[in-house]
Protein backbone atom coordinates (compact mmCIF):
# COMPACT_ATOMS: atom_id res chain seq x y z
CA MET A 1 -88.93 -43.39 49.26
CA LYS A 2 -87.48 -43.46 45.85
CA ASN A 3 -84.06 -44.20 47.05
CA LYS A 4 -85.35 -47.29 48.82
CA PHE A 5 -87.09 -48.41 45.74
CA TRP A 6 -83.78 -48.15 43.63
CA LEU A 7 -81.70 -49.72 46.52
CA GLY A 8 -84.18 -52.62 46.61
CA ILE A 9 -83.89 -53.13 42.76
CA PHE A 10 -80.06 -52.69 42.97
CA LEU A 11 -79.83 -55.42 45.60
CA ILE A 12 -82.19 -57.86 43.72
CA VAL A 13 -80.04 -57.40 40.49
CA LEU A 14 -76.85 -57.85 42.50
CA ALA A 15 -78.17 -61.05 44.28
CA SER A 16 -79.19 -62.40 40.77
CA LEU A 17 -75.83 -61.92 39.51
CA ILE A 18 -74.11 -63.58 42.29
CA LEU A 19 -76.36 -66.61 42.08
CA ALA A 20 -75.89 -66.94 38.38
CA ALA A 21 -72.06 -66.92 38.92
CA CYS A 22 -72.52 -69.47 41.54
CA GLY A 23 -74.51 -71.55 39.14
CA THR A 24 -71.82 -71.30 36.51
CA GLU A 25 -69.17 -72.44 39.02
CA GLN A 26 -71.35 -75.47 40.07
CA GLU A 27 -71.80 -76.57 36.32
CA ASP A 28 -67.87 -76.40 35.69
CA SER A 29 -67.08 -78.53 38.76
CA ALA A 30 -70.01 -80.99 37.96
CA GLU A 31 -68.08 -81.72 34.63
CA GLU A 32 -64.92 -82.44 36.30
CA PRO A 33 -65.84 -85.94 37.76
CA ALA A 34 -66.69 -87.16 34.00
CA ALA A 35 -62.93 -87.51 33.63
CA THR A 36 -62.95 -90.43 36.01
CA GLU A 37 -65.74 -92.38 34.46
CA PRO A 38 -65.19 -95.77 33.29
CA GLY A 39 -63.63 -95.87 29.78
CA THR A 40 -61.34 -92.77 30.49
CA GLY A 41 -58.34 -94.83 31.35
CA ASP A 42 -58.09 -93.05 34.60
CA GLU A 43 -57.15 -95.49 37.33
CA SER A 44 -58.52 -93.40 40.08
CA THR A 45 -62.02 -94.85 39.74
CA GLY A 46 -62.06 -96.58 43.12
CA GLY A 47 -59.27 -99.13 42.59
CA THR A 48 -61.55 -101.52 40.67
CA ILE A 49 -59.28 -101.76 37.71
CA GLU A 50 -57.33 -104.99 37.98
CA GLY A 51 -55.16 -104.56 34.82
CA GLU A 52 -55.22 -102.15 32.10
CA MET A 53 -56.37 -101.48 28.45
CA LYS A 54 -53.63 -103.01 26.09
CA PRO A 55 -53.32 -101.34 22.73
CA ASP A 56 -51.70 -103.40 19.82
CA ILE A 57 -51.01 -102.88 16.11
CA GLU A 58 -50.36 -105.71 13.75
CA GLN A 59 -49.78 -105.99 10.02
CA VAL A 60 -52.47 -107.95 8.27
CA ASN A 61 -50.85 -107.66 4.77
CA ASP A 62 -48.54 -105.20 2.82
CA ASP A 63 -50.57 -101.98 3.48
CA THR A 64 -53.34 -103.27 5.87
CA TYR A 65 -52.99 -102.97 9.75
CA ARG A 66 -55.19 -103.92 12.57
CA TYR A 67 -55.39 -101.52 15.66
CA SER A 68 -56.78 -103.37 18.62
CA LEU A 69 -57.30 -102.49 22.23
CA THR A 70 -57.92 -105.32 24.68
CA ASN A 71 -59.73 -104.94 28.00
CA GLU A 72 -57.51 -106.50 30.76
CA THR A 73 -59.30 -104.50 33.48
CA GLY A 74 -61.81 -105.96 35.88
CA GLU A 75 -64.82 -104.14 34.46
CA ALA A 76 -66.45 -103.10 31.34
CA MET A 77 -64.96 -100.03 29.71
CA THR A 78 -67.08 -97.46 27.65
CA PHE A 79 -65.68 -94.75 25.44
CA ASP A 80 -67.68 -91.77 24.20
CA PHE A 81 -67.00 -90.22 20.86
CA THR A 82 -68.19 -86.93 19.40
CA SER A 83 -68.20 -88.21 15.75
CA SER A 84 -68.10 -91.22 13.76
CA GLN A 85 -64.32 -91.31 14.05
CA ARG A 86 -63.06 -94.08 16.47
CA TYR A 87 -59.37 -94.11 15.70
CA ASP A 88 -56.64 -92.20 13.87
CA PHE A 89 -53.23 -93.13 12.55
CA SER A 90 -50.10 -91.26 11.22
CA LEU A 91 -46.86 -91.96 9.43
CA ALA A 92 -43.59 -90.15 10.55
CA ASN A 93 -40.35 -90.35 8.64
CA GLU A 94 -37.02 -91.31 10.22
CA SER A 95 -36.57 -87.82 11.28
CA GLY A 96 -39.76 -87.83 13.24
CA GLU A 97 -41.68 -85.59 10.93
CA GLU A 98 -45.17 -86.45 10.34
CA VAL A 99 -45.81 -87.13 6.63
CA PHE A 100 -49.30 -88.45 6.89
CA LEU A 101 -52.30 -88.01 9.26
CA PHE A 102 -55.38 -90.04 8.36
CA SER A 103 -57.90 -87.67 9.92
CA SER A 104 -56.52 -84.78 7.84
CA VAL A 105 -57.85 -86.48 4.60
CA SER A 106 -60.91 -87.93 6.03
CA THR A 107 -64.27 -86.65 6.92
CA TYR A 108 -66.63 -87.91 9.79
CA MET A 109 -70.24 -87.72 10.60
CA GLN A 110 -70.81 -85.34 13.54
CA ALA A 111 -72.78 -87.54 15.91
CA LEU A 112 -72.41 -88.78 19.47
CA GLY A 113 -71.51 -92.31 19.90
CA GLU A 114 -70.00 -94.95 22.22
CA GLU A 115 -68.07 -98.13 22.15
CA ALA A 116 -68.26 -100.62 25.07
CA VAL A 117 -65.60 -103.20 25.67
CA ASP A 118 -66.40 -106.01 28.27
CA GLN A 119 -63.71 -107.23 30.58
CA GLY A 120 -61.47 -109.70 28.44
CA ASP A 121 -62.86 -108.52 24.99
CA LYS A 122 -61.07 -106.65 22.30
CA LEU A 123 -62.07 -103.76 20.14
CA SER A 124 -60.40 -103.83 16.66
CA TYR A 125 -60.15 -101.62 13.52
CA GLU A 126 -58.64 -102.52 10.28
CA PHE A 127 -57.06 -99.78 8.03
CA GLU A 128 -55.32 -99.50 4.93
CA ILE A 129 -52.44 -97.10 4.33
CA PRO A 130 -53.43 -95.16 1.25
CA ALA A 131 -51.19 -95.07 -1.88
CA LEU A 132 -48.83 -92.23 -0.90
CA GLU A 133 -45.80 -90.91 -2.87
CA LEU A 134 -43.33 -91.72 -0.14
CA GLU A 135 -39.69 -92.24 -0.65
CA PRO A 136 -38.56 -95.77 0.24
CA GLY A 137 -37.53 -96.20 3.73
CA THR A 138 -38.87 -97.15 7.13
CA TYR A 139 -41.61 -94.93 8.67
CA GLU A 140 -43.20 -94.97 12.16
CA LEU A 141 -46.80 -95.91 12.05
CA THR A 142 -48.70 -94.76 15.18
CA ALA A 143 -52.35 -95.54 15.74
CA TRP A 144 -54.60 -94.33 18.66
CA LEU A 145 -58.24 -94.24 19.81
CA THR A 146 -60.06 -90.94 19.64
CA PRO A 147 -62.53 -90.69 22.57
CA ARG A 148 -63.97 -87.62 23.80
CA GLN A 149 -62.09 -87.74 26.96
CA GLY A 150 -59.36 -89.88 28.65
CA GLU A 151 -56.57 -92.04 27.49
CA THR A 152 -56.06 -92.48 23.81
CA TYR A 153 -54.00 -95.88 24.02
CA GLU A 154 -51.33 -94.99 21.38
CA VAL A 155 -49.31 -97.71 19.88
CA THR A 156 -46.37 -97.61 17.43
CA THR A 157 -44.87 -99.89 14.88
CA GLU A 158 -42.69 -99.81 11.72
CA HIS A 159 -44.07 -99.60 8.32
CA VAL A 160 -41.50 -100.19 5.44
CA VAL A 161 -42.03 -98.64 2.01
CA GLU A 162 -39.98 -100.23 -0.84
């Protein structure tokens, strides 16, 4: 009689472990479709995207630039963020070595947020390259969006230091 009792307890514990493992697997697979939500830049969202998101960077004045992202798709795009950071930029020398990364000298509020860009609209951020002790020359300025998932829409231009 005792053996049947312990066998029953063993089977219940084993069944619980198996069901718990199945629950973990379902949670992992439930997160995978999130990569194809609008705003991720993944064009496998049912073929409704007509165009694409177009990144651009333009020089406003000597050390100020504007990073923008134009929605040329057929639908509104939403980008989810895990902090107050929305974009980042870096400078690389002529050898391709990164000499400055904006996020490495910045702090951001840890708060979830999102940015929505309607079809045909533009999302823009202006930033200034801080006073750095760089040798004169031409540097590669790269800017990109920093969403939680998906495409980062990186764009590059030249920045000249005299």
